[in-house]
Amino acid sequence: VPAAEEQAAALAEVVPATELAKDKEMALQAAVAPQAEENLLAEEKAAAVAEFVPAAEEQAAALAEVVPATELAKDKEMALQAAVAPQAEENLLAEEKAAAVAEFVPAAEEQ
């Protein structure tokens, strides 16, 4: 009986300490939970971004292929315009001459 009483007394001292430890652990978990949730959200966001990075790299690679072709097309267009410009100017002068002649034809017919 004395041994049982000693064990009971020792147990009575341990139980409050155990309860206090549980309370502290719960308080710690409650304090850490928002940060843990924030970390989880950050990890999810990072994973989502990581999914899009290869697609963005593919688009960049495709764009890198398109840009030189676009530049080449611009160069060809400029060369074509440069080649056509003298002919276009010549055609404009011919149209102006034809209009000027057309003005004088009625006057010439009257005379």
PDB file of N, CA and C in Angstrom:
ATOM      1  N   VAL A   1       0.831  -1.203   0.000  1.00  0.00           N
ATOM      2  CA  VAL A   1       0.000   0.000   0.000  1.00  0.00           C
ATOM      3  C   VAL A   1       0.869   1.258   0.000  1.00  0.00           C
ATOM      4  N   PRO A   2       1.930   1.322   0.838  1.00  0.00           N
ATOM      5  CA  PRO A   2       2.747   2.539   0.765  1.00  0.00           C
ATOM      6  C   PRO A   2       3.360   2.720  -0.624  1.00  0.00           C
ATOM      7  N   ALA A   3       3.785   1.628  -1.249  1.00  0.00           N
ATOM      8  CA  ALA A   3       4.367   1.735  -2.586  1.00  0.00           C
ATOM      9  C   ALA A   3       3.319   2.243  -3.570  1.00  0.00           C
ATOM     10  N   ALA A   4       2.104   1.757  -3.448  1.00  0.00           N
ATOM     11  CA  ALA A   4       1.026   2.204  -4.319  1.00  0.00           C
ATOM     12  C   ALA A   4       0.727   3.674  -4.078  1.00  0.00           C
ATOM     13  N   GLU A   5       0.783   4.087  -2.809  1.00  0.00           N
ATOM     14  CA  GLU A   5       0.555   5.501  -2.495  1.00  0.00           C
ATOM     15  C   GLU A   5       1.660   6.373  -3.071  1.00  0.00           C
ATOM     16  N   GLU A   6       2.912   5.877  -3.014  1.00  0.00           N
ATOM     17  CA  GLU A   6       4.037   6.632  -3.591  1.00  0.00           C
ATOM     18  C   GLU A   6       3.865   6.760  -5.101  1.00  0.00           C
ATOM     19  N   GLN A   7       3.468   5.646  -5.735  1.00  0.00           N
ATOM     20  CA  GLN A   7       3.250   5.684  -7.183  1.00  0.00           C
ATOM     21  C   GLN A   7       2.122   6.650  -7.526  1.00  0.00           C
ATOM     22  N   ALA A   8       1.070   6.623  -6.744  1.00  0.00           N
ATOM     23  CA  ALA A   8      -0.053   7.523  -6.980  1.00  0.00           C
ATOM     24  C   ALA A   8       0.386   8.970  -6.822  1.00  0.00           C
ATOM     25  N   ALA A   9       1.208   9.238  -5.804  1.00  0.00           N
ATOM     26  CA  ALA A   9       1.696  10.600  -5.570  1.00  0.00           C
ATOM     27  C   ALA A   9       2.593  11.035  -6.727  1.00  0.00           C
ATOM     28  N   ALA A  10       3.479  10.129  -7.161  1.00  0.00           N
ATOM     29  CA  ALA A  10       4.361  10.457  -8.287  1.00  0.00           C
ATOM     30  C   ALA A  10       3.541  10.693  -9.550  1.00  0.00           C
ATOM     31  N   LEU A  11       2.534   9.862  -9.758  1.00  0.00           N
ATOM     32  CA  LEU A  11       1.660   9.999 -10.926  1.00  0.00           C
ATOM     33  C   LEU A  11       0.896  11.314 -10.858  1.00  0.00           C
ATOM     34  N   ALA A  12       0.472  11.696  -9.686  1.00  0.00           N
ATOM     35  CA  ALA A  12      -0.247  12.960  -9.511  1.00  0.00           C
ATOM     36  C   ALA A  12       0.639  14.147  -9.879  1.00  0.00           C
ATOM     37  N   GLU A  13       1.957  14.020  -9.665  1.00  0.00           N
ATOM     38  CA  GLU A  13       2.879  15.088 -10.056  1.00  0.00           C
ATOM     39  C   GLU A  13       3.121  15.085 -11.563  1.00  0.00           C
ATOM     40  N   VAL A  14       3.147  13.879 -12.176  1.00  0.00           N
ATOM     41  CA  VAL A  14       3.457  13.757 -13.614  1.00  0.00           C
ATOM     42  C   VAL A  14       2.282  14.184 -14.477  1.00  0.00           C
ATOM     43  N   VAL A  15       1.066  13.845 -14.071  1.00  0.00           N
ATOM     44  CA  VAL A  15      -0.108  14.135 -14.916  1.00  0.00           C
ATOM     45  C   VAL A  15      -0.233  15.625 -15.226  1.00  0.00           C
ATOM     46  N   PRO A  16      -0.146  16.529 -14.242  1.00  0.00           N
ATOM     47  CA  PRO A  16      -0.242  17.957 -14.598  1.00  0.00           C
ATOM     48  C   PRO A  16       0.879  18.390 -15.545  1.00  0.00           C
ATOM     49  N   ALA A  17       2.077  17.862 -15.342  1.00  0.00           N
ATOM     50  CA  ALA A  17       3.188  18.218 -16.237  1.00  0.00           C
ATOM     51  C   ALA A  17       2.894  17.732 -17.656  1.00  0.00           C
ATOM     52  N   THR A  18       2.318  16.532 -17.757  1.00  0.00           N
ATOM     53  CA  THR A  18       1.969  15.988 -19.075  1.00  0.00           C
ATOM     54  C   THR A  18       0.878  16.837 -19.719  1.00  0.00           C
ATOM     55  N   GLU A  19      -0.118  17.214 -18.917  1.00  0.00           N
ATOM     56  CA  GLU A  19      -1.193  18.069 -19.435  1.00  0.00           C
ATOM     57  C   GLU A  19      -0.633  19.422 -19.877  1.00  0.00           C
ATOM     58  N   LEU A  20       0.275  19.966 -19.076  1.00  0.00           N
ATOM     59  CA  LEU A  20       0.901  21.245 -19.431  1.00  0.00           C
ATOM     60  C   LEU A  20       1.684  21.110 -20.743  1.00  0.00           C
ATOM     61  N   ALA A  21       2.416  20.007 -20.892  1.00  0.00           N
ATOM     62  CA  ALA A  21       3.170  19.771 -22.127  1.00  0.00           C
ATOM     63  C   ALA A  21       2.220  19.668 -23.317  1.00  0.00           C
ATOM     64  N   LYS A  22       1.093  18.972 -23.142  1.00  0.00           N
ATOM     65  CA  LYS A  22       0.104  18.858 -24.226  1.00  0.00           C
ATOM     66  C   LYS A  22      -0.451  20.239 -24.583  1.00  0.00           C
ATOM     67  N   ASP A  23      -0.751  21.042 -23.558  1.00  0.00           N
ATOM     68  CA  ASP A  23      -1.272  22.391 -23.808  1.00  0.00           C
ATOM     69  C   ASP A  23      -0.257  23.242 -24.572  1.00  0.00           C
ATOM     70  N   LYS A  24       1.012  23.133 -24.147  1.00  0.00           N
ATOM     71  CA  LYS A  24       2.069  23.890 -24.832  1.00  0.00           C
ATOM     72  C   LYS A  24       2.201  23.432 -26.285  1.00  0.00           C
ATOM     73  N   GLU A  25       2.135  22.121 -26.496  1.00  0.00           N
ATOM     74  CA  GLU A  25       2.249  21.587 -27.854  1.00  0.00           C
ATOM     75  C   GLU A  25       1.092  22.066 -28.722  1.00  0.00           C
ATOM     76  N   MET A  26      -0.127  22.053 -28.170  1.00  0.00           N
ATOM     77  CA  MET A  26      -1.284  22.533 -28.927  1.00  0.00           C
ATOM     78  C   MET A  26      -1.154  24.017 -29.245  1.00  0.00           C
ATOM     79  N   ALA A  27      -0.678  24.787 -28.256  1.00  0.00           N
ATOM     80  CA  ALA A  27      -0.487  26.226 -28.480  1.00  0.00           C
ATOM     81  C   ALA A  27       0.567  26.456 -29.559  1.00  0.00           C
ATOM     82  N   LEU A  28       1.628  25.682 -29.533  1.00  0.00           N
ATOM     83  CA  LEU A  28       2.678  25.799 -30.540  1.00  0.00           C
ATOM     84  C   LEU A  28       2.141  25.447 -31.927  1.00  0.00           C
ATOM     85  N   GLN A  29       1.380  24.358 -31.996  1.00  0.00           N
ATOM     86  CA  GLN A  29       0.790  23.974 -33.281  1.00  0.00           C
ATOM     87  C   GLN A  29      -0.142  25.054 -33.806  1.00  0.00           C
ATOM     88  N   ALA A  30      -0.930  25.644 -32.912  1.00  0.00           N
ATOM     89  CA  ALA A  30      -1.843  26.714 -33.309  1.00  0.00           C
ATOM     90  C   ALA A  30      -1.062  27.931 -33.813  1.00  0.00           C
ATOM     91  N   ALA A  31       0.067  28.198 -33.170  1.00  0.00           N
ATOM     92  CA  ALA A  31       0.882  29.340 -33.582  1.00  0.00           C
ATOM     93  C   ALA A  31       1.582  29.071 -34.913  1.00  0.00           C
ATOM     94  N   VAL A  32       1.977  27.832 -35.125  1.00  0.00           N
ATOM     95  CA  VAL A  32       2.741  27.477 -36.323  1.00  0.00           C
ATOM     96  C   VAL A  32       1.829  27.193 -37.509  1.00  0.00           C
ATOM     97  N   ALA A  33       0.571  26.839 -37.279  1.00  0.00           N
ATOM     98  CA  ALA A  33      -0.339  26.432 -38.351  1.00  0.00           C
ATOM     99  C   ALA A  33      -0.452  27.460 -39.479  1.00  0.00           C
ATOM    100  N   PRO A  34      -0.659  28.758 -39.166  1.00  0.00           N
ATOM    101  CA  PRO A  34      -0.756  29.722 -40.281  1.00  0.00           C
ATOM    102  C   PRO A  34       0.511  29.755 -41.138  1.00  0.00           C
ATOM    103  N   GLN A  35       1.669  29.707 -40.492  1.00  0.00           N
ATOM    104  CA  GLN A  35       2.926  29.720 -41.251  1.00  0.00           C
ATOM    105  C   GLN A  35       3.048  28.459 -42.087  1.00  0.00           C
ATOM    106  N   ALA A  36       2.647  27.328 -41.521  1.00  0.00           N
ATOM    107  CA  ALA A  36       2.712  26.065 -42.269  1.00  0.00           C
ATOM    108  C   ALA A  36       1.787  26.124 -43.476  1.00  0.00           C
ATOM    109  N   GLU A  37       0.586  26.706 -43.278  1.00  0.00           N
ATOM    110  CA  GLU A  37      -0.354  26.833 -44.393  1.00  0.00           C
ATOM    111  C   GLU A  37       0.201  27.777 -45.457  1.00  0.00           C
ATOM    112  N   GLU A  38       0.812  28.881 -44.992  1.00  0.00           N
ATOM    113  CA  GLU A  38       1.418  29.832 -45.927  1.00  0.00           C
ATOM    114  C   GLU A  38       2.544  29.161 -46.721  1.00  0.00           C
ATOM    115  N   ASN A  39       3.344  28.353 -46.031  1.00  0.00           N
ATOM    116  CA  ASN A  39       4.422  27.633 -46.715  1.00  0.00           C
ATOM    117  C   ASN A  39       3.862  26.670 -47.752  1.00  0.00           C
ATOM    118  N   LEU A  40       2.763  25.992 -47.405  1.00  0.00           N
ATOM    119  CA  LEU A  40       2.143  25.055 -48.339  1.00  0.00           C
ATOM    120  C   LEU A  40       1.631  25.793 -49.572  1.00  0.00           C
ATOM    121  N   LEU A  41       0.988  26.933 -49.343  1.00  0.00           N
ATOM    122  CA  LEU A  41       0.503  27.731 -50.479  1.00  0.00           C
ATOM    123  C   LEU A  41       1.665  28.202 -51.348  1.00  0.00           C
ATOM    124  N   ALA A  42       2.750  28.613 -50.715  1.00  0.00           N
ATOM    125  CA  ALA A  42       3.923  29.053 -51.470  1.00  0.00           C
ATOM    126  C   ALA A  42       4.492  27.902 -52.295  1.00  0.00           C
ATOM    127  N   GLU A  43       4.514  26.715 -51.709  1.00  0.00           N
ATOM    128  CA  GLU A  43       5.002  25.540 -52.448  1.00  0.00           C
ATOM    129  C   GLU A  43       4.091  25.232 -53.636  1.00  0.00           C
ATOM    130  N   GLU A  44       2.770  25.349 -53.424  1.00  0.00           N
ATOM    131  CA  GLU A  44       1.826  25.102 -54.518  1.00  0.00           C
ATOM    132  C   GLU A  44       2.010  26.124 -55.634  1.00  0.00           C
ATOM    133  N   LYS A  45       2.199  27.394 -55.247  1.00  0.00           N
ATOM    134  CA  LYS A  45       2.430  28.439 -56.246  1.00  0.00           C
ATOM    135  C   LYS A  45       3.717  28.160 -57.022  1.00  0.00           C
ATOM    136  N   ALA A  46       4.759  27.775 -56.303  1.00  0.00           N
ATOM    137  CA  ALA A  46       6.038  27.471 -56.955  1.00  0.00           C
ATOM    138  C   ALA A  46       5.877  26.314 -57.927  1.00  0.00           C
ATOM    139  N   ALA A  47       5.088  25.316 -57.531  1.00  0.00           N
ATOM    140  CA  ALA A  47       4.860  24.170 -58.418  1.00  0.00           C
ATOM    141  C   ALA A  47       4.088  24.609 -59.666  1.00  0.00           C
ATOM    142  N   ALA A  48       3.105  25.486 -59.477  1.00  0.00           N
ATOM    143  CA  ALA A  48       2.330  25.981 -60.621  1.00  0.00           C
ATOM    144  C   ALA A  48       3.214  26.774 -61.572  1.00  0.00           C
ATOM    145  N   VAL A  49       4.083  27.612 -61.002  1.00  0.00           N
ATOM    146  CA  VAL A  49       4.999  28.399 -61.837  1.00  0.00           C
ATOM    147  C   VAL A  49       5.954  27.464 -62.574  1.00  0.00           C
ATOM    148  N   ALA A  50       6.426  26.446 -61.876  1.00  0.00           N
ATOM    149  CA  ALA A  50       7.370  25.505 -62.491  1.00  0.00           C
ATOM    150  C   ALA A  50       6.730  24.786 -63.676  1.00  0.00           C
ATOM    151  N   GLU A  51       5.398  24.594 -63.618  1.00  0.00           N
ATOM    152  CA  GLU A  51       4.721  23.956 -64.759  1.00  0.00           C
ATOM    153  C   GLU A  51       4.759  24.864 -65.982  1.00  0.00           C
ATOM    154  N   PHE A  52       4.663  26.191 -65.757  1.00  0.00           N
ATOM    155  CA  PHE A  52       4.592  27.116 -66.879  1.00  0.00           C
ATOM    156  C   PHE A  52       5.955  27.495 -67.438  1.00  0.00           C
ATOM    157  N   VAL A  53       7.010  27.265 -66.674  1.00  0.00           N
ATOM    158  CA  VAL A  53       8.341  27.654 -67.137  1.00  0.00           C
ATOM    159  C   VAL A  53       8.718  26.938 -68.437  1.00  0.00           C
ATOM    160  N   PRO A  54       8.528  25.609 -68.539  1.00  0.00           N
ATOM    161  CA  PRO A  54       8.869  24.968 -69.820  1.00  0.00           C
ATOM    162  C   PRO A  54       8.062  25.535 -70.978  1.00  0.00           C
ATOM    163  N   ALA A  55       6.774  25.820 -70.755  1.00  0.00           N
ATOM    164  CA  ALA A  55       5.955  26.396 -71.825  1.00  0.00           C
ATOM    165  C   ALA A  55       6.499  27.761 -72.224  1.00  0.00           C
ATOM    166  N   ALA A  56       6.890  28.556 -71.245  1.00  0.00           N
ATOM    167  CA  ALA A  56       7.454  29.875 -71.549  1.00  0.00           C
ATOM    168  C   ALA A  56       8.768  29.733 -72.298  1.00  0.00           C
ATOM    169  N   GLU A  57       9.575  28.740 -71.914  1.00  0.00           N
ATOM    170  CA  GLU A  57      10.840  28.506 -72.622  1.00  0.00           C
ATOM    171  C   GLU A  57      10.585  28.072 -74.061  1.00  0.00           C
ATOM    172  N   GLU A  58       9.547  27.235 -74.258  1.00  0.00           N
ATOM    173  CA  GLU A  58       9.197  26.818 -75.624  1.00  0.00           C
ATOM    174  C   GLU A  58       8.751  28.013 -76.443  1.00  0.00           C
ATOM    175  N   GLN A  59       7.930  28.893 -75.836  1.00  0.00           N
ATOM    176  CA  GLN A  59       7.482  30.084 -76.559  1.00  0.00           C
ATOM    177  C   GLN A  59       8.666  30.980 -76.901  1.00  0.00           C
ATOM    178  N   ALA A  60       9.589  31.108 -75.967  1.00  0.00           N
ATOM    179  CA  ALA A  60      10.771  31.933 -76.238  1.00  0.00           C
ATOM    180  C   ALA A  60      11.587  31.346 -77.381  1.00  0.00           C
ATOM    181  N   ALA A  61      11.712  30.016 -77.395  1.00  0.00           N
ATOM    182  CA  ALA A  61      12.457  29.361 -78.478  1.00  0.00           C
ATOM    183  C   ALA A  61      11.751  29.564 -79.815  1.00  0.00           C
ATOM    184  N   ALA A  62      10.418  29.421 -79.810  1.00  0.00           N
ATOM    185  CA  ALA A  62       9.653  29.619 -81.046  1.00  0.00           C
ATOM    186  C   ALA A  62       9.781  31.061 -81.522  1.00  0.00           C
ATOM    187  N   LEU A  63       9.733  31.988 -80.570  1.00  0.00           N
ATOM    188  CA  LEU A  63       9.868  33.401 -80.912  1.00  0.00           C
ATOM    189  C   LEU A  63      11.252  33.685 -81.481  1.00  0.00           C
ATOM    190  N   ALA A  64      12.259  33.043 -80.912  1.00  0.00           N
ATOM    191  CA  ALA A  64      13.624  33.233 -81.409  1.00  0.00           C
ATOM    192  C   ALA A  64      13.753  32.749 -82.848  1.00  0.00           C
ATOM    193  N   GLU A  65      12.940  31.744 -83.225  1.00  0.00           N
ATOM    194  CA  GLU A  65      12.953  31.286 -84.610  1.00  0.00           C
ATOM    195  C   GLU A  65      12.205  32.241 -85.520  1.00  0.00           C
ATOM    196  N   VAL A  66      11.123  32.842 -84.988  1.00  0.00           N
ATOM    197  CA  VAL A  66      10.270  33.715 -85.799  1.00  0.00           C
ATOM    198  C   VAL A  66      10.916  35.068 -86.047  1.00  0.00           C
ATOM    199  N   VAL A  67      11.606  35.600 -85.042  1.00  0.00           N
ATOM    200  CA  VAL A  67      12.166  36.950 -85.164  1.00  0.00           C
ATOM    201  C   VAL A  67      13.106  37.077 -86.362  1.00  0.00           C
ATOM    202  N   PRO A  68      14.071  36.162 -86.548  1.00  0.00           N
ATOM    203  CA  PRO A  68      14.929  36.310 -87.735  1.00  0.00           C
ATOM    204  C   PRO A  68      14.135  36.247 -89.041  1.00  0.00           C
ATOM    205  N   ALA A  69      13.115  35.378 -89.091  1.00  0.00           N
ATOM    206  CA  ALA A  69      12.296  35.286 -90.298  1.00  0.00           C
ATOM    207  C   ALA A  69      11.559  36.604 -90.536  1.00  0.00           C
ATOM    208  N   THR A  70      11.076  37.210 -89.458  1.00  0.00           N
ATOM    209  CA  THR A  70      10.380  38.494 -89.580  1.00  0.00           C
ATOM    210  C   THR A  70      11.343  39.571 -90.053  1.00  0.00           C
ATOM    211  N   GLU A  71      12.536  39.580 -89.487  1.00  0.00           N
ATOM    212  CA  GLU A  71      13.541  40.553 -89.914  1.00  0.00           C
ATOM    213  C   GLU A  71      13.891  40.358 -91.384  1.00  0.00           C
ATOM    214  N   LEU A  72      14.022  39.097 -91.794  1.00  0.00           N
ATOM    215  CA  LEU A  72      14.320  38.803 -93.198  1.00  0.00           C
ATOM    216  C   LEU A  72      13.189  39.294 -94.093  1.00  0.00           C
ATOM    217  N   ALA A  73      11.938  39.066 -93.670  1.00  0.00           N
ATOM    218  CA  ALA A  73      10.788  39.527 -94.452  1.00  0.00           C
ATOM    219  C   ALA A  73      10.792  41.053 -94.550  1.00  0.00           C
ATOM    220  N   LYS A  74      11.126  41.739 -93.443  1.00  0.00           N
ATOM    221  CA  LYS A  74      11.192  43.205 -93.487  1.00  0.00           C
ATOM    222  C   LYS A  74      12.282  43.664 -94.457  1.00  0.00           C
ATOM    223  N   ASP A  75      13.435  42.995 -94.406  1.00  0.00           N
ATOM    224  CA  ASP A  75      14.529  43.361 -95.303  1.00  0.00           C
ATOM    225  C   ASP A  75      14.116  43.164 -96.758  1.00  0.00           C
ATOM    226  N   LYS A  76      13.433  42.043 -97.044  1.00  0.00           N
ATOM    227  CA  LYS A  76      12.983  41.775 -98.423  1.00  0.00           C
ATOM    228  C   LYS A  76      11.968  42.820 -98.864  1.00  0.00           C
ATOM    229  N   GLU A  77      11.042  43.186 -97.946  1.00  0.00           N
ATOM    230  CA  GLU A  77      10.032  44.189 -98.276  1.00  0.00           C
ATOM    231  C   GLU A  77      10.691  45.535 -98.568  1.00  0.00           C
ATOM    232  N   MET A  78      11.687  45.903 -97.758  1.00  0.00           N
ATOM    233  CA  MET A  78      12.377  47.170 -97.991  1.00  0.00           C
ATOM    234  C   MET A  78      13.133  47.145 -99.320  1.00  0.00           C
ATOM    235  N   ALA A  79      13.748  46.020 -99.630  1.00  0.00           N
ATOM    236  CA  ALA A  79      14.469  45.909-100.896  1.00  0.00           C
ATOM    237  C   ALA A  79      13.495  46.002-102.067  1.00  0.00           C
ATOM    238  N   LEU A  80      12.331  45.343-101.919  1.00  0.00           N
ATOM    239  CA  LEU A  80      11.327  45.385-102.981  1.00  0.00           C
ATOM    240  C   LEU A  80      10.811  46.811-103.168  1.00  0.00           C
ATOM    241  N   GLN A  81      10.542  47.504-102.050  1.00  0.00           N
ATOM    242  CA  GLN A  81      10.085  48.892-102.147  1.00  0.00           C
ATOM    243  C   GLN A  81      11.134  49.774-102.810  1.00  0.00           C
ATOM    244  N   ALA A  82      12.381  49.547-102.472  1.00  0.00           N
ATOM    245  CA  ALA A  82      13.464  50.335-103.072  1.00  0.00           C
ATOM    246  C   ALA A  82      13.553  50.061-104.571  1.00  0.00           C
ATOM    247  N   ALA A  83      13.310  48.806-104.954  1.00  0.00           N
ATOM    248  CA  ALA A  83      13.388  48.461-106.373  1.00  0.00           C
ATOM    249  C   ALA A  83      12.195  49.012-107.141  1.00  0.00           C
ATOM    250  N   VAL A  84      11.024  49.042-106.479  1.00  0.00           N
ATOM    251  CA  VAL A  84       9.797  49.466-107.153  1.00  0.00           C
ATOM    252  C   VAL A  84       9.637  50.983-107.147  1.00  0.00           C
ATOM    253  N   ALA A  85      10.239  51.659-106.198  1.00  0.00           N
ATOM    254  CA  ALA A  85      10.044  53.100-106.037  1.00  0.00           C
ATOM    255  C   ALA A  85      10.316  53.889-107.322  1.00  0.00           C
ATOM    256  N   PRO A  86      11.419  53.648-108.022  1.00  0.00           N
ATOM    257  CA  PRO A  86      11.642  54.426-109.256  1.00  0.00           C
ATOM    258  C   PRO A  86      10.532  54.203-110.287  1.00  0.00           C
ATOM    259  N   GLN A  87      10.071  52.968-110.428  1.00  0.00           N
ATOM    260  CA  GLN A  87       9.006  52.668-111.389  1.00  0.00           C
ATOM    261  C   GLN A  87       7.702  53.350-110.971  1.00  0.00           C
ATOM    262  N   ALA A  88       7.417  53.334-109.669  1.00  0.00           N
ATOM    263  CA  ALA A  88       6.200  53.975-109.179  1.00  0.00           C
ATOM    264  C   ALA A  88       6.255  55.479-109.433  1.00  0.00           C
ATOM    265  N   GLU A  89       7.412  56.079-109.225  1.00  0.00           N
ATOM    266  CA  GLU A  89       7.565  57.511-109.469  1.00  0.00           C
ATOM    267  C   GLU A  89       7.410  57.813-110.963  1.00  0.00           C
ATOM    268  N   GLU A  90       7.974  56.945-111.782  1.00  0.00           N
ATOM    269  CA  GLU A  90       7.856  57.114-113.229  1.00  0.00           C
ATOM    270  C   GLU A  90       6.390  57.012-113.661  1.00  0.00           C
ATOM    271  N   ASN A  91       5.661  56.051-113.079  1.00  0.00           N
ATOM    272  CA  ASN A  91       4.236  55.896-113.402  1.00  0.00           C
ATOM    273  C   ASN A  91       3.447  57.137-112.977  1.00  0.00           C
ATOM    274  N   LEU A  92       3.769  57.695-111.828  1.00  0.00           N
ATOM    275  CA  LEU A  92       3.084  58.890-111.349  1.00  0.00           C
ATOM    276  C   LEU A  92       3.334  60.061-112.303  1.00  0.00           C
ATOM    277  N   LEU A  93       4.571  60.213-112.739  1.00  0.00           N
ATOM    278  CA  LEU A  93       4.885  61.292-113.689  1.00  0.00           C
ATOM    279  C   LEU A  93       4.125  61.094-115.000  1.00  0.00           C
ATOM    280  N   ALA A  94       4.039  59.848-115.460  1.00  0.00           N
ATOM    281  CA  ALA A  94       3.315  59.571-116.701  1.00  0.00           C
ATOM    282  C   ALA A  94       1.832  59.907-116.538  1.00  0.00           C
ATOM    283  N   GLU A  95       1.254  59.584-115.380  1.00  0.00           N
ATOM    284  CA  GLU A  95      -0.156  59.915-115.127  1.00  0.00           C
ATOM    285  C   GLU A  95      -0.368  61.426-115.126  1.00  0.00           C
ATOM    286  N   GLU A  96       0.568  62.157-114.519  1.00  0.00           N
ATOM    287  CA  GLU A  96       0.458  63.620-114.480  1.00  0.00           C
ATOM    288  C   GLU A  96       0.552  64.205-115.885  1.00  0.00           C
ATOM    289  N   LYS A  97       1.462  63.648-116.694  1.00  0.00           N
ATOM    290  CA  LYS A  97       1.590  64.113-118.085  1.00  0.00           C
ATOM    291  C   LYS A  97       0.314  63.829-118.863  1.00  0.00           C
ATOM    292  N   ALA A  98      -0.244  62.634-118.673  1.00  0.00           N
ATOM    293  CA  ALA A  98      -1.481  62.268-119.381  1.00  0.00           C
ATOM    294  C   ALA A  98      -2.617  63.186-118.964  1.00  0.00           C
ATOM    295  N   ALA A  99      -2.699  63.542-117.684  1.00  0.00           N
ATOM    296  CA  ALA A  99      -3.750  64.451-117.230  1.00  0.00           C
ATOM    297  C   ALA A  99      -3.564  65.834-117.851  1.00  0.00           C
ATOM    298  N   ALA A 100      -2.314  66.279-117.924  1.00  0.00           N
ATOM    299  CA  ALA A 100      -2.032  67.588-118.509  1.00  0.00           C
ATOM    300  C   ALA A 100      -2.399  67.598-119.991  1.00  0.00           C
ATOM    301  N   VAL A 101      -2.070  66.530-120.687  1.00  0.00           N
ATOM    302  CA  VAL A 101      -2.409  66.440-122.115  1.00  0.00           C
ATOM    303  C   VAL A 101      -3.921  66.414-122.280  1.00  0.00           C
ATOM    304  N   ALA A 102      -4.630  65.678-121.420  1.00  0.00           N
ATOM    305  CA  ALA A 102      -6.083  65.572-121.519  1.00  0.00           C
ATOM    306  C   ALA A 102      -6.743  66.931-121.340  1.00  0.00           C
ATOM    307  N   GLU A 103      -6.126  67.810-120.566  1.00  0.00           N
ATOM    308  CA  GLU A 103      -6.677  69.158-120.401  1.00  0.00           C
ATOM    309  C   GLU A 103      -6.572  69.959-121.701  1.00  0.00           C
ATOM    310  N   PHE A 104      -5.504  69.739-122.458  1.00  0.00           N
ATOM    311  CA  PHE A 104      -5.267  70.537-123.650  1.00  0.00           C
ATOM    312  C   PHE A 104      -5.973  69.978-124.877  1.00  0.00           C
ATOM    313  N   VAL A 105      -6.404  68.743-124.860  1.00  0.00           N
ATOM    314  CA  VAL A 105      -7.034  68.148-126.040  1.00  0.00           C
ATOM    315  C   VAL A 105      -8.307  68.900-126.417  1.00  0.00           C
ATOM    316  N   PRO A 106      -9.244  69.190-125.493  1.00  0.00           N
ATOM    317  CA  PRO A 106     -10.436  69.954-125.915  1.00  0.00           C
ATOM    318  C   PRO A 106     -10.066  71.321-126.471  1.00  0.00           C
ATOM    319  N   ALA A 107      -9.087  71.961-125.847  1.00  0.00           N
ATOM    320  CA  ALA A 107      -8.676  73.280-126.340  1.00  0.00           C
ATOM    321  C   ALA A 107      -8.095  73.153-127.740  1.00  0.00           C
ATOM    322  N   ALA A 108      -7.332  72.119-128.008  1.00  0.00           N
ATOM    323  CA  ALA A 108      -6.737  71.924-129.320  1.00  0.00           C
ATOM    324  C   ALA A 108      -7.829  71.612-130.339  1.00  0.00           C
ATOM    325  N   GLU A 109      -8.843  70.857-129.937  1.00  0.00           N
ATOM    326  CA  GLU A 109      -9.927  70.519-130.876  1.00  0.00           C
ATOM    327  C   GLU A 109     -10.729  71.767-131.233  1.00  0.00           C
ATOM    328  N   GLU A 110     -10.915  72.689-130.273  1.00  0.00           N
ATOM    329  CA  GLU A 110     -11.638  73.901-130.549  1.00  0.00           C
ATOM    330  C   GLU A 110     -10.883  74.790-131.540  1.00  0.00           C
ATOM    331  N   GLN A 111      -9.561  74.813-131.395  1.00  0.00           N
ATOM    332  CA  GLN A 111      -8.755  75.662-132.286  1.00  0.00           C
ATOM    333  C   GLN A 111      -8.733  75.021-133.655  1.00  0.00           C
TER     334      GLN A 111
END
